[in-house]
């Protein structure tokens, strides 16, 4: 499955980096922001978020994997929804009603 040309556009790659940067910084600098009301991390959710962040960074820097499975994993159709979910998780952990 080849990536559509629209996802190879510099604006799409920039959007991937732009969406990933705040979440990456929060996870690196202050991961406690992802703690829920009971004081626990949702490790499975964070695992999926990290996959989305990795995919966004790989896409954002312009790397196109040659292997078909990796090409499928590291595309914006996977990264963007996972990062959107990450922003929802962050908002819920902070008590923001959505």
N, C-alpha and C. Protein backbone atom coordinates (compact mmCIF):
# COMPACT_ATOMS: atom_id res chain seq x y z
N UNK A 1 0.84 -1.18 0.00
CA UNK A 1 0.00 0.00 0.00
C UNK A 1 0.89 1.24 0.00
N UNK A 2 0.83 1.96 -1.07
CA UNK A 2 1.59 3.20 -1.18
C UNK A 2 0.87 4.34 -0.48
N UNK A 3 1.65 5.26 0.07
CA UNK A 3 1.08 6.42 0.73
C UNK A 3 0.54 7.37 -0.34
N UNK A 4 -0.69 7.88 -0.17
CA UNK A 4 -1.22 8.85 -1.14
C UNK A 4 -0.30 10.07 -1.24
N UNK A 5 -0.25 10.66 -2.42
CA UNK A 5 0.63 11.81 -2.64
C UNK A 5 0.31 12.97 -1.72
N UNK A 6 -0.94 13.11 -1.30
CA UNK A 6 -1.29 14.21 -0.40
C UNK A 6 -0.53 14.11 0.92
N UNK A 7 -0.23 12.89 1.37
CA UNK A 7 0.50 12.72 2.62
C UNK A 7 1.99 12.98 2.46
N UNK A 8 2.47 13.04 1.23
CA UNK A 8 3.88 13.34 0.99
C UNK A 8 4.12 14.85 0.87
N UNK A 9 3.06 15.61 0.84
CA UNK A 9 3.17 17.06 0.73
C UNK A 9 3.88 17.61 1.97
N UNK A 10 4.73 18.62 1.81
CA UNK A 10 5.42 19.19 2.98
C UNK A 10 4.48 19.68 4.08
N UNK A 11 3.29 20.15 3.71
CA UNK A 11 2.35 20.61 4.74
C UNK A 11 1.88 19.44 5.60
N UNK A 12 1.66 18.28 5.00
CA UNK A 12 1.24 17.11 5.76
C UNK A 12 2.36 16.64 6.68
N UNK A 13 3.58 16.68 6.18
CA UNK A 13 4.72 16.29 7.01
C UNK A 13 4.92 17.29 8.15
N UNK A 14 4.74 18.57 7.85
CA UNK A 14 4.83 19.59 8.90
C UNK A 14 3.75 19.42 9.95
N UNK A 15 2.54 19.07 9.51
CA UNK A 15 1.45 18.83 10.45
C UNK A 15 1.77 17.66 11.38
N UNK A 16 2.39 16.62 10.85
CA UNK A 16 2.78 15.49 11.69
C UNK A 16 3.74 15.94 12.79
N UNK A 17 4.74 16.71 12.40
CA UNK A 17 5.71 17.21 13.40
C UNK A 17 5.04 18.16 14.38
N UNK A 18 4.17 19.02 13.87
CA UNK A 18 3.49 19.99 14.72
C UNK A 18 2.59 19.32 15.74
N UNK A 19 1.89 18.27 15.35
CA UNK A 19 1.01 17.56 16.28
C UNK A 19 1.80 16.72 17.28
N UNK A 20 2.93 16.18 16.86
CA UNK A 20 3.71 15.29 17.72
C UNK A 20 4.53 16.04 18.77
N UNK A 21 5.05 17.20 18.42
CA UNK A 21 5.99 17.89 19.31
C UNK A 21 5.44 18.17 20.71
N UNK A 22 4.25 18.73 20.88
CA UNK A 22 3.78 18.99 22.25
C UNK A 22 3.60 17.71 23.08
N UNK A 23 3.07 16.66 22.46
CA UNK A 23 2.88 15.42 23.21
C UNK A 23 4.21 14.78 23.58
N UNK A 24 5.18 14.83 22.67
CA UNK A 24 6.50 14.29 22.97
C UNK A 24 7.12 15.07 24.13
N UNK A 25 7.02 16.39 24.09
CA UNK A 25 7.60 17.19 25.17
C UNK A 25 6.92 16.92 26.51
N UNK A 26 5.60 16.77 26.51
CA UNK A 26 4.89 16.46 27.76
C UNK A 26 5.35 15.12 28.30
N UNK A 27 5.46 14.12 27.43
CA UNK A 27 5.87 12.79 27.89
C UNK A 27 7.31 12.77 28.38
N UNK A 28 8.17 13.60 27.79
CA UNK A 28 9.57 13.62 28.22
C UNK A 28 9.80 14.50 29.44
N UNK A 29 9.17 15.66 29.48
CA UNK A 29 9.45 16.63 30.53
C UNK A 29 8.57 16.42 31.76
N UNK A 30 7.28 16.16 31.55
CA UNK A 30 6.36 16.04 32.69
C UNK A 30 5.34 14.94 32.44
N UNK A 31 5.78 13.67 32.47
CA UNK A 31 4.85 12.58 32.17
C UNK A 31 3.73 12.44 33.20
N UNK A 32 3.88 13.05 34.36
CA UNK A 32 2.84 13.00 35.37
C UNK A 32 1.54 13.65 34.95
N UNK A 33 1.56 14.43 33.87
CA UNK A 33 0.33 15.03 33.37
C UNK A 33 -0.63 13.98 32.81
N UNK A 34 -0.12 12.79 32.51
CA UNK A 34 -0.96 11.71 31.99
C UNK A 34 -1.53 10.82 33.08
N UNK A 35 -1.29 11.15 34.35
CA UNK A 35 -1.84 10.37 35.45
C UNK A 35 -3.32 10.70 35.60
N UNK A 36 -4.15 9.67 35.74
CA UNK A 36 -5.59 9.91 35.87
C UNK A 36 -5.96 10.26 37.31
N UNK A 37 -7.24 10.39 37.58
CA UNK A 37 -7.72 10.83 38.90
C UNK A 37 -7.34 9.86 40.01
N UNK A 38 -7.18 8.58 39.67
CA UNK A 38 -6.82 7.60 40.69
C UNK A 38 -5.31 7.53 40.91
N UNK A 39 -4.54 8.34 40.19
CA UNK A 39 -3.10 8.37 40.36
C UNK A 39 -2.37 7.28 39.58
N UNK A 40 -3.02 6.71 38.59
CA UNK A 40 -2.44 5.63 37.80
C UNK A 40 -2.24 6.06 36.35
N UNK A 41 -1.25 5.43 35.72
CA UNK A 41 -1.06 5.59 34.28
C UNK A 41 -1.85 4.51 33.56
N UNK A 42 -2.38 4.82 32.41
CA UNK A 42 -3.00 3.82 31.55
C UNK A 42 -1.92 3.36 30.58
N UNK A 43 -1.21 2.30 30.95
CA UNK A 43 -0.04 1.88 30.19
C UNK A 43 -0.38 1.43 28.77
N UNK A 44 -1.50 0.76 28.60
CA UNK A 44 -1.86 0.33 27.24
C UNK A 44 -2.17 1.54 26.36
N UNK A 45 -2.84 2.54 26.91
CA UNK A 45 -3.13 3.75 26.13
C UNK A 45 -1.84 4.50 25.79
N UNK A 46 -0.91 4.56 26.74
CA UNK A 46 0.36 5.23 26.47
C UNK A 46 1.17 4.49 25.42
N UNK A 47 1.06 3.16 25.40
CA UNK A 47 1.77 2.39 24.38
C UNK A 47 1.25 2.77 22.98
N UNK A 48 -0.07 2.86 22.82
CA UNK A 48 -0.64 3.25 21.53
C UNK A 48 -0.29 4.69 21.18
N UNK A 49 -0.26 5.55 22.19
CA UNK A 49 0.13 6.94 21.96
C UNK A 49 1.57 7.03 21.48
N UNK A 50 2.46 6.24 22.09
CA UNK A 50 3.86 6.25 21.66
C UNK A 50 4.01 5.74 20.23
N UNK A 51 3.19 4.77 19.84
CA UNK A 51 3.22 4.31 18.45
C UNK A 51 2.80 5.44 17.52
N UNK A 52 1.75 6.17 17.89
CA UNK A 52 1.31 7.29 17.07
C UNK A 52 2.35 8.39 16.98
N UNK A 53 3.02 8.67 18.09
CA UNK A 53 4.07 9.68 18.08
C UNK A 53 5.25 9.24 17.22
N UNK A 54 5.62 7.99 17.33
CA UNK A 54 6.72 7.47 16.51
C UNK A 54 6.38 7.56 15.03
N UNK A 55 5.16 7.16 14.70
CA UNK A 55 4.73 7.23 13.30
C UNK A 55 4.72 8.66 12.79
N UNK A 56 4.29 9.59 13.62
CA UNK A 56 4.25 10.99 13.21
C UNK A 56 5.65 11.55 13.00
N UNK A 57 6.57 11.18 13.86
CA UNK A 57 7.94 11.68 13.70
C UNK A 57 8.58 11.08 12.46
N UNK A 58 8.39 9.77 12.25
CA UNK A 58 8.94 9.13 11.05
C UNK A 58 8.37 9.79 9.80
N UNK A 59 7.06 10.02 9.78
CA UNK A 59 6.44 10.68 8.63
C UNK A 59 6.90 12.13 8.52
N UNK A 60 6.96 12.82 9.65
CA UNK A 60 7.28 14.24 9.64
C UNK A 60 8.67 14.57 9.14
N UNK A 61 9.64 13.71 9.44
CA UNK A 61 11.00 13.98 8.98
C UNK A 61 11.22 13.54 7.53
N UNK A 62 10.20 12.89 6.95
CA UNK A 62 10.29 12.54 5.54
C UNK A 62 10.80 11.16 5.24
N UNK A 63 10.91 10.32 6.23
CA UNK A 63 11.40 8.96 6.00
C UNK A 63 10.26 8.10 5.46
N UNK A 64 10.51 7.39 4.38
CA UNK A 64 9.54 6.47 3.78
C UNK A 64 10.09 5.05 3.86
N UNK A 65 9.59 4.23 4.79
CA UNK A 65 10.09 2.86 4.91
C UNK A 65 9.86 2.06 3.62
N UNK A 66 10.78 1.16 3.32
CA UNK A 66 10.66 0.32 2.13
C UNK A 66 9.80 -0.91 2.37
N UNK A 67 9.87 -1.46 3.57
CA UNK A 67 9.11 -2.65 3.91
C UNK A 67 7.62 -2.32 4.01
N UNK A 68 6.79 -3.14 3.40
CA UNK A 68 5.35 -2.88 3.36
C UNK A 68 4.71 -2.79 4.75
N UNK A 69 5.01 -3.70 5.70
CA UNK A 69 4.38 -3.56 7.03
C UNK A 69 4.78 -2.27 7.75
N UNK A 70 6.06 -1.89 7.65
CA UNK A 70 6.49 -0.66 8.31
C UNK A 70 5.91 0.56 7.61
N UNK A 71 5.77 0.48 6.30
CA UNK A 71 5.17 1.58 5.56
C UNK A 71 3.72 1.79 6.01
N UNK A 72 3.03 0.68 6.31
CA UNK A 72 1.65 0.79 6.77
C UNK A 72 1.58 1.38 8.17
N UNK A 73 2.51 0.96 9.04
CA UNK A 73 2.49 1.43 10.44
C UNK A 73 2.87 2.90 10.54
N UNK A 74 3.90 3.31 9.80
CA UNK A 74 4.42 4.67 9.94
C UNK A 74 3.83 5.60 8.89
N UNK A 75 2.53 5.71 8.87
CA UNK A 75 1.84 6.63 7.96
C UNK A 75 0.90 7.52 8.76
N UNK A 76 0.53 8.66 8.22
CA UNK A 76 -0.32 9.58 8.97
C UNK A 76 -1.72 9.05 9.26
N UNK A 77 -2.22 8.13 8.46
CA UNK A 77 -3.54 7.57 8.74
C UNK A 77 -3.55 6.79 10.05
N UNK A 78 -2.40 6.33 10.48
CA UNK A 78 -2.26 5.67 11.78
C UNK A 78 -1.89 6.70 12.84
N UNK A 79 -0.95 7.58 12.51
CA UNK A 79 -0.40 8.51 13.49
C UNK A 79 -1.41 9.56 13.96
N UNK A 80 -2.09 10.19 13.05
CA UNK A 80 -2.96 11.31 13.42
C UNK A 80 -4.10 10.91 14.34
N UNK A 81 -4.83 9.82 14.08
CA UNK A 81 -5.89 9.44 15.03
C UNK A 81 -5.35 9.05 16.41
N UNK A 82 -4.19 8.37 16.43
CA UNK A 82 -3.62 8.00 17.72
C UNK A 82 -3.18 9.23 18.51
N UNK A 83 -2.63 10.23 17.81
CA UNK A 83 -2.24 11.46 18.51
C UNK A 83 -3.47 12.24 18.96
N UNK A 84 -4.52 12.26 18.16
CA UNK A 84 -5.75 12.94 18.58
C UNK A 84 -6.28 12.28 19.85
N UNK A 85 -6.24 10.96 19.88
CA UNK A 85 -6.65 10.22 21.08
C UNK A 85 -5.73 10.59 22.25
N UNK A 86 -4.44 10.79 21.99
CA UNK A 86 -3.50 11.20 23.03
C UNK A 86 -3.86 12.55 23.62
N UNK A 87 -4.27 13.48 22.76
CA UNK A 87 -4.70 14.79 23.26
C UNK A 87 -5.97 14.66 24.10
N UNK A 88 -6.87 13.77 23.70
CA UNK A 88 -8.08 13.52 24.50
C UNK A 88 -7.70 12.92 25.85
N UNK A 89 -6.78 11.96 25.86
CA UNK A 89 -6.33 11.36 27.13
C UNK A 89 -5.70 12.40 28.04
N UNK A 90 -4.90 13.28 27.46
CA UNK A 90 -4.26 14.33 28.25
C UNK A 90 -5.31 15.27 28.84
N UNK A 91 -6.29 15.64 28.04
CA UNK A 91 -7.35 16.53 28.53
C UNK A 91 -8.15 15.85 29.63
N UNK A 92 -8.48 14.57 29.47
CA UNK A 92 -9.23 13.85 30.49
C UNK A 92 -8.43 13.71 31.77
N UNK A 93 -7.13 13.47 31.66
CA UNK A 93 -6.29 13.35 32.85
C UNK A 93 -6.22 14.67 33.61
N UNK A 94 -6.38 15.78 32.89
CA UNK A 94 -6.35 17.10 33.52
C UNK A 94 -7.72 17.54 34.00
N UNK A 95 -8.74 16.72 33.76
CA UNK A 95 -10.08 17.03 34.24
C UNK A 95 -10.88 17.93 33.32
N UNK A 96 -10.45 18.06 32.07
CA UNK A 96 -11.18 18.88 31.11
C UNK A 96 -12.33 18.05 30.55
N UNK A 97 -13.53 18.59 30.62
CA UNK A 97 -14.70 17.87 30.09
C UNK A 97 -14.76 18.04 28.58
N UNK A 98 -14.86 16.93 27.88
CA UNK A 98 -14.94 16.99 26.41
C UNK A 98 -16.29 16.57 25.93
